[in-house]
């Protein structure tokens, strides 16, 4: 039997509605971890469905790091002005700007990386393996892996979130999309550093 305490605990952790939390617990036969995983998968599905909707509203978040030497301007968009004024949306914008200040991403997503940047990295990696006896196929696989890792490190959406390294920035945004019920997009950001 599902208790009100279990539902409340799940709701407090995820922010999802009480009914969704109860449904997740019922489907997982009261197993809290399975219910949490169920809600995580569901939030990805919700984010995917909402990703096609246009996000024209939002806020500009300004963040200055405590040392006064790093600043970030971030444009975070959503679908309605109502959500843009929501405290949780504002906190998300603040957290993302703080993440950008700390992690210094260069692009929003891997698709935004210019081809010439990828080609330059490939040339560097190819030179590293020029004097090895490894077969070309193996070297190509290693280089592909290095390029993928490089892309993940310099792109905001694929970086581990600075406040919770168990999730990526993309997964954080997907959780907020499921919770707030609107598409959320990072439109652009600028990071300044002395």
Foldseek 3Di string as FASTA:
>chain_A
DDDPVLLVVLCVVQVADSVLLVVLCVVVVNDSVSSNVVVLVVLLVLQVVQVPPDFDDADWDWDADPVRFKIKTWTKTWRDVVVNPDPVRVVLNVQLRVQCRVLVADAAALVPDDPVVLVVQLVVQCVVCVPDPDDPVVSVVVSVVVSVVVRLSRHQQNQQRPVGSVHGSVSVQSSVCNNVVIHMDTPDMDMGGD
